[in-house]
Full PDB file with SEQRES, HELIX, SHEET, SSBOND, CRYST1, ORIGX, SCALE, CONECT and MASTER records, all heavy atoms in Angstrom:
SEQRES   1 A   38  SER PHE LEU LEU ILE ILE ALA CYS PHE LEU ALA PRO SER          
SEQRES   2 A   38  PHE LEU TYR TRP THR SER GLY LEU HIS LYS ASP GLY LEU          
SEQRES   3 A   38  THR TYR LEU ALA LEU ALA ALA ILE ILE TYR ILE PHE              
HELIX    1 AA1 PHE A    2  ILE A    5  1                                   4    
HELIX    2 AA2 ILE A    6  LEU A   10  3                                   5    
HELIX    3 AA3 PRO A   12  SER A   19  1                                   8    
HELIX    4 AA4 LYS A   23  ILE A   37  1                                  15    
CRYST1    1.000    1.000    1.000  90.00  90.00  90.00 P 1           1          
ORIGX1      1.000000  0.000000  0.000000        0.00000                         
ORIGX2      0.000000  1.000000  0.000000        0.00000                         
ORIGX3      0.000000  0.000000  1.000000        0.00000                         
SCALE1      1.000000  0.000000  0.000000        0.00000                         
SCALE2      0.000000  1.000000  0.000000        0.00000                         
SCALE3      0.000000  0.000000  1.000000        0.00000                         
ATOM      1  N   SER A   1     152.205 191.296  35.617  1.00  0.00           N  
ATOM      2  CA  SER A   1     151.892 190.712  36.912  1.00  0.00           C  
ATOM      3  C   SER A   1     151.741 189.197  36.821  1.00  0.00           C  
ATOM      4  O   SER A   1     151.480 188.630  35.751  1.00  0.00           O  
ATOM      5  CB  SER A   1     150.607 191.324  37.473  1.00  0.00           C  
ATOM      6  OG  SER A   1     149.496 190.915  36.708  1.00  0.00           O  
ATOM      7  N   PHE A   2     151.864 188.564  37.971  1.00  0.00           N  
ATOM      8  CA  PHE A   2     151.669 187.123  38.062  1.00  0.00           C  
ATOM      9  C   PHE A   2     150.219 186.749  37.770  1.00  0.00           C  
ATOM     10  O   PHE A   2     149.938 185.661  37.272  1.00  0.00           O  
ATOM     11  CB  PHE A   2     152.073 186.640  39.463  1.00  0.00           C  
ATOM     12  CG  PHE A   2     151.942 185.153  39.644  1.00  0.00           C  
ATOM     13  CD1 PHE A   2     152.745 184.282  38.923  1.00  0.00           C  
ATOM     14  CD2 PHE A   2     151.013 184.627  40.526  1.00  0.00           C  
ATOM     15  CE1 PHE A   2     152.625 182.912  39.075  1.00  0.00           C  
ATOM     16  CE2 PHE A   2     150.883 183.255  40.684  1.00  0.00           C  
ATOM     17  CZ  PHE A   2     151.700 182.396  39.954  1.00  0.00           C  
ATOM     18  N   LEU A   3     149.308 187.690  38.052  1.00  0.00           N  
ATOM     19  CA  LEU A   3     147.889 187.443  37.755  1.00  0.00           C  
ATOM     20  C   LEU A   3     147.669 187.244  36.259  1.00  0.00           C  
ATOM     21  O   LEU A   3     146.818 186.447  35.849  1.00  0.00           O  
ATOM     22  CB  LEU A   3     147.036 188.611  38.258  1.00  0.00           C  
ATOM     23  CG  LEU A   3     146.912 188.766  39.779  1.00  0.00           C  
ATOM     24  CD1 LEU A   3     146.126 190.014  40.120  1.00  0.00           C  
ATOM     25  CD2 LEU A   3     146.249 187.539  40.403  1.00  0.00           C  
ATOM     26  N   LEU A   4     148.426 187.958  35.437  1.00  0.00           N  
ATOM     27  CA  LEU A   4     148.292 187.800  33.991  1.00  0.00           C  
ATOM     28  C   LEU A   4     148.766 186.418  33.561  1.00  0.00           C  
ATOM     29  O   LEU A   4     148.179 185.800  32.665  1.00  0.00           O  
ATOM     30  CB  LEU A   4     149.097 188.883  33.268  1.00  0.00           C  
ATOM     31  CG  LEU A   4     148.979 188.893  31.744  1.00  0.00           C  
ATOM     32  CD1 LEU A   4     147.540 189.132  31.316  1.00  0.00           C  
ATOM     33  CD2 LEU A   4     149.889 189.959  31.138  1.00  0.00           C  
ATOM     34  N   ILE A   5     149.812 185.912  34.190  1.00  0.00           N  
ATOM     35  CA  ILE A   5     150.296 184.556  33.890  1.00  0.00           C  
ATOM     36  C   ILE A   5     149.228 183.532  34.255  1.00  0.00           C  
ATOM     37  O   ILE A   5     148.954 182.593  33.495  1.00  0.00           O  
ATOM     38  CB  ILE A   5     151.597 184.269  34.654  1.00  0.00           C  
ATOM     39  CG1 ILE A   5     152.707 185.210  34.175  1.00  0.00           C  
ATOM     40  CG2 ILE A   5     152.025 182.815  34.488  1.00  0.00           C  
ATOM     41  CD1 ILE A   5     154.020 185.058  34.920  1.00  0.00           C  
ATOM     42  N   ILE A   6     148.607 183.719  35.420  1.00  0.00           N  
ATOM     43  CA  ILE A   6     147.537 182.800  35.837  1.00  0.00           C  
ATOM     44  C   ILE A   6     146.400 182.808  34.819  1.00  0.00           C  
ATOM     45  O   ILE A   6     145.914 181.755  34.401  1.00  0.00           O  
ATOM     46  CB  ILE A   6     147.011 183.190  37.231  1.00  0.00           C  
ATOM     47  CG1 ILE A   6     148.090 182.956  38.294  1.00  0.00           C  
ATOM     48  CG2 ILE A   6     145.748 182.414  37.565  1.00  0.00           C  
ATOM     49  CD1 ILE A   6     147.700 183.428  39.681  1.00  0.00           C  
ATOM     50  N   ALA A   7     145.989 184.010  34.395  1.00  0.00           N  
ATOM     51  CA  ALA A   7     144.855 184.130  33.479  1.00  0.00           C  
ATOM     52  C   ALA A   7     145.155 183.515  32.118  1.00  0.00           C  
ATOM     53  O   ALA A   7     144.288 182.876  31.520  1.00  0.00           O  
ATOM     54  CB  ALA A   7     144.478 185.601  33.316  1.00  0.00           C  
ATOM     55  N   CYS A   8     146.374 183.693  31.620  1.00  0.00           N  
ATOM     56  CA  CYS A   8     146.698 183.250  30.261  1.00  0.00           C  
ATOM     57  C   CYS A   8     147.163 181.796  30.189  1.00  0.00           C  
ATOM     58  O   CYS A   8     147.068 181.181  29.123  1.00  0.00           O  
ATOM     59  CB  CYS A   8     147.785 184.153  29.670  1.00  0.00           C  
ATOM     60  SG  CYS A   8     147.225 185.834  29.315  1.00  0.00           S  
ATOM     61  N   PHE A   9     147.666 181.251  31.291  1.00  0.00           N  
ATOM     62  CA  PHE A   9     148.243 179.906  31.244  1.00  0.00           C  
ATOM     63  C   PHE A   9     147.538 178.898  32.152  1.00  0.00           C  
ATOM     64  O   PHE A   9     147.490 177.710  31.814  1.00  0.00           O  
ATOM     65  CB  PHE A   9     149.716 179.953  31.660  1.00  0.00           C  
ATOM     66  CG  PHE A   9     150.626 180.614  30.678  1.00  0.00           C  
ATOM     67  CD1 PHE A   9     150.879 181.969  30.758  1.00  0.00           C  
ATOM     68  CD2 PHE A   9     151.254 179.888  29.673  1.00  0.00           C  
ATOM     69  CE1 PHE A   9     151.735 182.592  29.851  1.00  0.00           C  
ATOM     70  CE2 PHE A   9     152.110 180.496  28.764  1.00  0.00           C  
ATOM     71  CZ  PHE A   9     152.341 181.853  28.857  1.00  0.00           C  
ATOM     72  N   LEU A  10     147.016 179.335  33.294  1.00  0.00           N  
ATOM     73  CA  LEU A  10     146.728 178.382  34.360  1.00  0.00           C  
ATOM     74  C   LEU A  10     145.257 178.247  34.744  1.00  0.00           C  
ATOM     75  O   LEU A  10     144.964 177.566  35.739  1.00  0.00           O  
ATOM     76  CB  LEU A  10     147.545 178.757  35.611  1.00  0.00           C  
ATOM     77  CG  LEU A  10     149.071 178.794  35.402  1.00  0.00           C  
ATOM     78  CD1 LEU A  10     149.770 179.229  36.683  1.00  0.00           C  
ATOM     79  CD2 LEU A  10     149.588 177.448  34.927  1.00  0.00           C  
ATOM     80  N   ALA A  11     144.345 178.881  34.013  1.00  0.00           N  
ATOM     81  CA  ALA A  11     142.926 178.614  34.287  1.00  0.00           C  
ATOM     82  C   ALA A  11     142.691 177.112  34.108  1.00  0.00           C  
ATOM     83  O   ALA A  11     142.995 176.562  33.050  1.00  0.00           O  
ATOM     84  CB  ALA A  11     142.040 179.412  33.342  1.00  0.00           C  
ATOM     85  N   PRO A  12     142.201 176.408  35.136  1.00  0.00           N  
ATOM     86  CA  PRO A  12     142.174 174.936  35.104  1.00  0.00           C  
ATOM     87  C   PRO A  12     141.509 174.325  33.876  1.00  0.00           C  
ATOM     88  O   PRO A  12     142.064 173.429  33.238  1.00  0.00           O  
ATOM     89  CB  PRO A  12     141.411 174.584  36.390  1.00  0.00           C  
ATOM     90  CG  PRO A  12     141.687 175.729  37.304  1.00  0.00           C  
ATOM     91  CD  PRO A  12     141.738 176.942  36.427  1.00  0.00           C  
ATOM     92  N   SER A  13     140.304 174.770  33.527  1.00  0.00           N  
ATOM     93  CA  SER A  13     139.619 174.178  32.380  1.00  0.00           C  
ATOM     94  C   SER A  13     140.366 174.486  31.085  1.00  0.00           C  
ATOM     95  O   SER A  13     140.463 173.637  30.194  1.00  0.00           O  
ATOM     96  CB  SER A  13     138.176 174.684  32.292  1.00  0.00           C  
ATOM     97  OG  SER A  13     138.138 176.073  32.048  1.00  0.00           O  
ATOM     98  N   PHE A  14     140.908 175.695  30.969  1.00  0.00           N  
ATOM     99  CA  PHE A  14     141.677 176.062  29.777  1.00  0.00           C  
ATOM    100  C   PHE A  14     142.922 175.189  29.658  1.00  0.00           C  
ATOM    101  O   PHE A  14     143.210 174.635  28.594  1.00  0.00           O  
ATOM    102  CB  PHE A  14     142.066 177.537  29.856  1.00  0.00           C  
ATOM    103  CG  PHE A  14     143.086 177.935  28.830  1.00  0.00           C  
ATOM    104  CD1 PHE A  14     142.708 178.151  27.510  1.00  0.00           C  
ATOM    105  CD2 PHE A  14     144.424 178.080  29.171  1.00  0.00           C  
ATOM    106  CE1 PHE A  14     143.653 178.506  26.550  1.00  0.00           C  
ATOM    107  CE2 PHE A  14     145.362 178.436  28.217  1.00  0.00           C  
ATOM    108  CZ  PHE A  14     144.980 178.651  26.906  1.00  0.00           C  
ATOM    109  N   LEU A  15     143.671 175.052  30.751  1.00  0.00           N  
ATOM    110  CA  LEU A  15     144.897 174.256  30.731  1.00  0.00           C  
ATOM    111  C   LEU A  15     144.598 172.805  30.379  1.00  0.00           C  
ATOM    112  O   LEU A  15     145.303 172.187  29.561  1.00  0.00           O  
ATOM    113  CB  LEU A  15     145.585 174.348  32.098  1.00  0.00           C  
ATOM    114  CG  LEU A  15     146.885 173.558  32.272  1.00  0.00           C  
ATOM    115  CD1 LEU A  15     147.959 174.066  31.331  1.00  0.00           C  
ATOM    116  CD2 LEU A  15     147.366 173.628  33.726  1.00  0.00           C  
ATOM    117  N   TYR A  16     143.544 172.269  30.937  1.00  0.00           N  
ATOM    118  CA  TYR A  16     143.211 170.860  30.726  1.00  0.00           C  
ATOM    119  C   TYR A  16     142.755 170.590  29.290  1.00  0.00           C  
ATOM    120  O   TYR A  16     143.289 169.710  28.608  1.00  0.00           O  
ATOM    121  CB  TYR A  16     142.123 170.449  31.718  1.00  0.00           C  
ATOM    122  CG  TYR A  16     141.688 169.009  31.605  1.00  0.00           C  
ATOM    123  CD1 TYR A  16     142.480 167.979  32.085  1.00  0.00           C  
ATOM    124  CD2 TYR A  16     140.464 168.682  31.023  1.00  0.00           C  
ATOM    125  CE1 TYR A  16     142.077 166.654  31.988  1.00  0.00           C  
ATOM    126  CE2 TYR A  16     140.054 167.365  30.924  1.00  0.00           C  
ATOM    127  CZ  TYR A  16     140.865 166.355  31.403  1.00  0.00           C  
ATOM    128  OH  TYR A  16     140.461 165.045  31.285  1.00  0.00           O  
ATOM    129  N   TRP A  17     141.786 171.359  28.814  1.00  0.00           N  
ATOM    130  CA  TRP A  17     141.173 171.046  27.523  1.00  0.00           C  
ATOM    131  C   TRP A  17     142.059 171.429  26.342  1.00  0.00           C  
ATOM    132  O   TRP A  17     141.998 170.774  25.296  1.00  0.00           O  
ATOM    133  CB  TRP A  17     139.811 171.727  27.403  1.00  0.00           C  
ATOM    134  CG  TRP A  17     138.779 171.111  28.288  1.00  0.00           C  
ATOM    135  CD1 TRP A  17     138.232 171.642  29.413  1.00  0.00           C  
ATOM    136  CD2 TRP A  17     138.178 169.818  28.134  1.00  0.00           C  
ATOM    137  NE1 TRP A  17     137.331 170.777  29.967  1.00  0.00           N  
ATOM    138  CE2 TRP A  17     137.276 169.642  29.201  1.00  0.00           C  
ATOM    139  CE3 TRP A  17     138.321 168.795  27.196  1.00  0.00           C  
ATOM    140  CZ2 TRP A  17     136.519 168.488  29.348  1.00  0.00           C  
ATOM    141  CZ3 TRP A  17     137.557 167.650  27.337  1.00  0.00           C  
ATOM    142  CH2 TRP A  17     136.672 167.505  28.403  1.00  0.00           C  
ATOM    143  N   THR A  18     142.872 172.468  26.473  1.00  0.00           N  
ATOM    144  CA  THR A  18     143.728 172.852  25.346  1.00  0.00           C  
ATOM    145  C   THR A  18     145.073 172.138  25.357  1.00  0.00           C  
ATOM    146  O   THR A  18     145.851 172.300  24.423  1.00  0.00           O  
ATOM    147  CB  THR A  18     143.973 174.374  25.333  1.00  0.00           C  
ATOM    148  OG1 THR A  18     144.640 174.760  26.544  1.00  0.00           O  
ATOM    149  CG2 THR A  18     142.670 175.135  25.193  1.00  0.00           C  
ATOM    150  N   SER A  19     145.332 171.354  26.396  1.00  0.00           N  
ATOM    151  CA  SER A  19     146.577 170.579  26.438  1.00  0.00           C  
ATOM    152  C   SER A  19     146.379 169.159  25.945  1.00  0.00           C  
ATOM    153  O   SER A  19     147.313 168.544  25.435  1.00  0.00           O  
ATOM    154  CB  SER A  19     147.125 170.548  27.876  1.00  0.00           C  
ATOM    155  OG  SER A  19     147.469 171.833  28.326  1.00  0.00           O  
ATOM    156  N   GLY A  20     145.182 168.622  26.117  1.00  0.00           N  
ATOM    157  CA  GLY A  20     144.915 167.243  25.724  1.00  0.00           C  
ATOM    158  C   GLY A  20     145.056 167.032  24.232  1.00  0.00           C  
ATOM    159  O   GLY A  20     144.888 167.961  23.427  1.00  0.00           O  
ATOM    160  N   LEU A  21     145.356 165.804  23.866  1.00  0.00           N  
ATOM    161  CA  LEU A  21     145.576 165.440  22.463  1.00  0.00           C  
ATOM    162  C   LEU A  21     144.231 165.359  21.754  1.00  0.00           C  
ATOM    163  O   LEU A  21     143.683 164.285  21.506  1.00  0.00           O  
ATOM    164  CB  LEU A  21     146.322 164.105  22.390  1.00  0.00           C  
ATOM    165  CG  LEU A  21     146.975 163.734  21.048  1.00  0.00           C  
ATOM    166  CD1 LEU A  21     147.906 164.828  20.569  1.00  0.00           C  
ATOM    167  CD2 LEU A  21     147.735 162.419  21.187  1.00  0.00           C  
ATOM    168  N   HIS A  22     143.714 166.530  21.429  1.00  0.00           N  
ATOM    169  CA  HIS A  22     142.428 166.652  20.732  1.00  0.00           C  
ATOM    170  C   HIS A  22     142.457 167.959  19.948  1.00  0.00           C  
ATOM    171  O   HIS A  22     143.470 168.653  19.930  1.00  0.00           O  
ATOM    172  CB  HIS A  22     141.272 166.599  21.728  1.00  0.00           C  
ATOM    173  CG  HIS A  22     140.022 165.989  21.168  1.00  0.00           C  
ATOM    174  ND1 HIS A  22     139.361 166.525  20.080  1.00  0.00           N  
ATOM    175  CD2 HIS A  22     139.290 164.904  21.537  1.00  0.00           C  
ATOM    176  CE1 HIS A  22     138.299 165.796  19.796  1.00  0.00           C  
ATOM    177  NE2 HIS A  22     138.231 164.788  20.671  1.00  0.00           N  
ATOM    178  N   LYS A  23     141.338 168.314  19.356  1.00  0.00           N  
ATOM    179  CA  LYS A  23     141.311 169.454  18.442  1.00  0.00           C  
ATOM    180  C   LYS A  23     141.342 170.804  19.150  1.00  0.00           C  
ATOM    181  O   LYS A  23     141.639 171.828  18.527  1.00  0.00           O  
ATOM    182  CB  LYS A  23     140.070 169.365  17.555  1.00  0.00           C  
ATOM    183  CG  LYS A  23     140.054 168.140  16.642  1.00  0.00           C  
ATOM    184  CD  LYS A  23     138.828 168.094  15.779  1.00  0.00           C  
ATOM    185  CE  LYS A  23     137.593 167.688  16.541  1.00  0.00           C  
ATOM    186  NZ  LYS A  23     137.580 166.272  16.941  1.00  0.00           N  
ATOM    187  N   ASP A  24     141.045 170.845  20.450  1.00  0.00           N  
ATOM    188  CA  ASP A  24     140.919 172.124  21.142  1.00  0.00           C  
ATOM    189  C   ASP A  24     142.229 172.909  21.171  1.00  0.00           C  
ATOM    190  O   ASP A  24     142.226 174.127  20.993  1.00  0.00           O  
ATOM    191  CB  ASP A  24     140.419 171.891  22.571  1.00  0.00           C  
ATOM    192  CG  ASP A  24     139.105 171.146  22.591  1.00  0.00           C  
ATOM    193  OD1 ASP A  24     138.051 171.793  22.490  1.00  0.00           O  
ATOM    194  OD2 ASP A  24     139.126 169.905  22.690  1.00  0.00           O  
ATOM    195  N   GLY A  25     143.333 172.210  21.404  1.00  0.00           N  
ATOM    196  CA  GLY A  25     144.627 172.888  21.453  1.00  0.00           C  
ATOM    197  C   GLY A  25     145.004 173.514  20.126  1.00  0.00           C  
ATOM    198  O   GLY A  25     145.487 174.651  20.064  1.00  0.00           O  
ATOM    199  N   LEU A  26     144.797 172.786  19.033  1.00  0.00           N  
ATOM    200  CA  LEU A  26     145.092 173.321  17.700  1.00  0.00           C  
ATOM    201  C   LEU A  26     144.139 174.459  17.338  1.00  0.00           C  
ATOM    202  O   LEU A  26     144.544 175.428  16.687  1.00  0.00           O  
ATOM    203  CB  LEU A  26     144.988 172.214  16.648  1.00  0.00           C  
ATOM    204  CG  LEU A  26     146.231 171.364  16.401  1.00  0.00           C  
ATOM    205  CD1 LEU A  26     145.966 170.352  15.297  1.00  0.00           C  
ATOM    206  CD2 LEU A  26     147.422 172.237  16.027  1.00  0.00           C  
ATOM    207  N   THR A  27     142.890 174.353  17.754  1.00  0.00           N  
ATOM    208  CA  THR A  27     141.930 175.437  17.528  1.00  0.00           C  
ATOM    209  C   THR A  27     142.409 176.714  18.195  1.00  0.00           C  
ATOM    210  O   THR A  27     142.387 177.796  17.608  1.00  0.00           O  
ATOM    211  CB  THR A  27     140.541 175.051  18.063  1.00  0.00           C  
ATOM    212  OG1 THR A  27     140.084 173.876  17.394  1.00  0.00           O  
ATOM    213  CG2 THR A  27     139.546 176.175  17.861  1.00  0.00           C  
ATOM    214  N   TYR A  28     142.866 176.572  19.442  1.00  0.00           N  
ATOM    215  CA  TYR A  28     143.355 177.745  20.166  1.00  0.00           C  
ATOM    216  C   TYR A  28     144.636 178.285  19.533  1.00  0.00           C  
ATOM    217  O   TYR A  28     144.827 179.506  19.467  1.00  0.00           O  
ATOM    218  CB  TYR A  28     143.610 177.388  21.633  1.00  0.00           C  
ATOM    219  CG  TYR A  28     143.932 178.591  22.482  1.00  0.00           C  
ATOM    220  CD1 TYR A  28     142.917 179.450  22.901  1.00  0.00           C  
ATOM    221  CD2 TYR A  28     145.235 178.870  22.857  1.00  0.00           C  
ATOM    222  CE1 TYR A  28     143.208 180.565  23.671  1.00  0.00           C  
ATOM    223  CE2 TYR A  28     145.529 179.988  23.634  1.00  0.00           C  
ATOM    224  CZ  TYR A  28     144.509 180.826  24.038  1.00  0.00           C  
ATOM    225  OH  TYR A  28     144.794 181.933  24.798  1.00  0.00           O  
ATOM    226  N   LEU A  29     145.499 177.399  19.057  1.00  0.00           N  
ATOM    227  CA  LEU A  29     146.722 177.836  18.380  1.00  0.00           C  
ATOM    228  C   LEU A  29     146.383 178.680  17.159  1.00  0.00           C  
ATOM    229  O   LEU A  29     146.970 179.753  16.939  1.00  0.00           O  
ATOM    230  CB  LEU A  29     147.556 176.622  17.966  1.00  0.00           C  
ATOM    231  CG  LEU A  29     148.782 176.910  17.087  1.00  0.00           C  
ATOM    232  CD1 LEU A  29     149.798 177.765  17.827  1.00  0.00           C  
ATOM    233  CD2 LEU A  29     149.416 175.599  16.615  1.00  0.00           C  
ATOM    234  N   ALA A  30     145.441 178.207  16.343  1.00  0.00           N  
ATOM    235  CA  ALA A  30     145.045 178.948  15.141  1.00  0.00           C  
ATOM    236  C   ALA A  30     144.433 180.290  15.510  1.00  0.00           C  
ATOM    237  O   ALA A  30     144.764 181.329  14.919  1.00  0.00           O  
ATOM    238  CB  ALA A  30     144.065 178.115  14.321  1.00  0.00           C  
ATOM    239  N   LEU A  31     143.543 180.282  16.493  1.00  0.00           N  
ATOM    240  CA  LEU A  31     142.901 181.520  16.931  1.00  0.00           C  
ATOM    241  C   LEU A  31     143.928 182.498  17.491  1.00  0.00           C  
ATOM    242  O   LEU A  31     143.899 183.700  17.174  1.00  0.00           O  
ATOM    243  CB  LEU A  31     141.840 181.202  17.982  1.00  0.00           C  
ATOM    244  CG  LEU A  31     141.104 182.387  18.603  1.00  0.00           C  
ATOM    245  CD1 LEU A  31     140.307 183.141  17.548  1.00  0.00           C  
ATOM    246  CD2 LEU A  31     140.187 181.911  19.734  1.00  0.00           C  
ATOM    247  N   ALA A  32     144.840 181.996  18.307  1.00  0.00           N  
ATOM    248  CA  ALA A  32     145.867 182.844  18.912  1.00  0.00           C  
ATOM    249  C   ALA A  32     146.773 183.462  17.854  1.00  0.00           C  
ATOM    250  O   ALA A  32     147.128 184.645  17.934  1.00  0.00           O  
ATOM    251  CB  ALA A  32     146.702 182.030  19.903  1.00  0.00           C  
ATOM    252  N   ALA A  33     147.153 182.659  16.860  1.00  0.00           N  
ATOM    253  CA  ALA A  33     148.019 183.174  15.795  1.00  0.00           C  
ATOM    254  C   ALA A  33     147.326 184.275  15.009  1.00  0.00           C  
ATOM    255  O   ALA A  33     147.937 185.295  14.663  1.00  0.00           O  
ATOM    256  CB  ALA A  33     148.432 182.035  14.872  1.00  0.00           C  
ATOM    257  N   ILE A  34     146.042 184.086  14.710  1.00  0.00           N  
ATOM    258  CA  ILE A  34     145.280 185.109  13.977  1.00  0.00           C  
ATOM    259  C   ILE A  34     145.235 186.410  14.766  1.00  0.00           C  
ATOM    260  O   ILE A  34     145.503 187.499  14.239  1.00  0.00           O  
ATOM    261  CB  ILE A  34     143.862 184.597  13.677  1.00  0.00           C  
ATOM    262  CG1 ILE A  34     143.914 183.436  12.679  1.00  0.00           C  
ATOM    263  CG2 ILE A  34     142.986 185.726  13.136  1.00  0.00           C  
ATOM    264  CD1 ILE A  34     142.602 182.693  12.521  1.00  0.00           C  
ATOM    265  N   ILE A  35     144.901 186.322  16.048  1.00  0.00           N  
ATOM    266  CA  ILE A  35     144.814 187.516  16.882  1.00  0.00           C  
ATOM    267  C   ILE A  35     146.182 188.176  17.030  1.00  0.00           C  
ATOM    268  O   ILE A  35     146.314 189.407  16.942  1.00  0.00           O  
ATOM    269  CB  ILE A  35     144.228 187.155  18.262  1.00  0.00           C  
ATOM    270  CG1 ILE A  35     142.759 186.745  18.112  1.00  0.00           C  
ATOM    271  CG2 ILE A  35     144.359 188.319  19.231  1.00  0.00           C  
ATOM    272  CD1 ILE A  35     142.119 186.234  19.379  1.00  0.00           C  
ATOM    273  N   TYR A  36     147.220 187.368  17.218  1.00  0.00           N  
ATOM    274  CA  TYR A  36     148.570 187.906  17.379  1.00  0.00           C  
ATOM    275  C   TYR A  36     149.003 188.680  16.137  1.00  0.00           C  
ATOM    276  O   TYR A  36     149.544 189.784  16.229  1.00  0.00           O  
ATOM    277  CB  TYR A  36     149.544 186.757  17.657  1.00  0.00           C  
ATOM    278  CG  TYR A  36     150.979 187.196  17.825  1.00  0.00           C  
ATOM    279  CD1 TYR A  36     151.462 187.595  19.062  1.00  0.00           C  
ATOM    280  CD2 TYR A  36     151.864 187.215  16.739  1.00  0.00           C  
ATOM    281  CE1 TYR A  36     152.775 188.002  19.227  1.00  0.00           C  
ATOM    282  CE2 TYR A  36     153.171 187.615  16.889  1.00  0.00           C  
ATOM    283  CZ  TYR A  36     153.626 188.010  18.139  1.00  0.00           C  
ATOM    284  OH  TYR A  36     154.925 188.427  18.293  1.00  0.00           O  
ATOM    285  N   ILE A  37     148.768 188.103  14.971  1.00  0.00           N  
ATOM    286  CA  ILE A  37     149.183 188.747  13.723  1.00  0.00           C  
ATOM    287  C   ILE A  37     148.386 190.025  13.483  1.00  0.00           C  
ATOM    288  O   ILE A  37     148.940 191.054  13.093  1.00  0.00           O  
ATOM    289  CB  ILE A  37     149.045 187.770  12.545  1.00  0.00           C  
ATOM    290  CG1 ILE A  37     150.067 186.639  12.689  1.00  0.00           C  
ATOM    291  CG2 ILE A  37     149.238 188.495  11.210  1.00  0.00           C  
ATOM    292  CD1 ILE A  37     149.877 185.502  11.712  1.00  0.00           C  
ATOM    293  N   PHE A  38     147.094 189.994  13.737  1.00  0.00           N  
ATOM    294  CA  PHE A  38     146.294 191.204  13.585  1.00  0.00           C  
ATOM    295  C   PHE A  38     146.741 192.279  14.559  1.00  0.00           C  
ATOM    296  O   PHE A  38     146.783 193.461  14.210  1.00  0.00           O  
ATOM    297  CB  PHE A  38     144.812 190.887  13.808  1.00  0.00           C  
ATOM    298  CG  PHE A  38     144.054 190.618  12.541  1.00  0.00           C  
ATOM    299  CD1 PHE A  38     144.095 189.372  11.941  1.00  0.00           C  
ATOM    300  CD2 PHE A  38     143.311 191.617  11.943  1.00  0.00           C  
ATOM    301  CE1 PHE A  38     143.406 189.119  10.767  1.00  0.00           C  
ATOM    302  CE2 PHE A  38     142.612 191.378  10.769  1.00  0.00           C  
ATOM    303  CZ  PHE A  38     142.660 190.130  10.173  1.00  0.00           C  
TER     304      PHE A  38                                                      
MASTER        0    0    0    4    0    0    0    6  303    1    0    3          
END                                                                             
């Protein structure tokens, strides 16, 4: 559903903080990769 796209990509605070050039985006990348592989 489109709701799943909104939840995973477009939550405003999530989109803003994990896109900026800071550690949050890389933290989420590492966490996401761990969960995906498991």
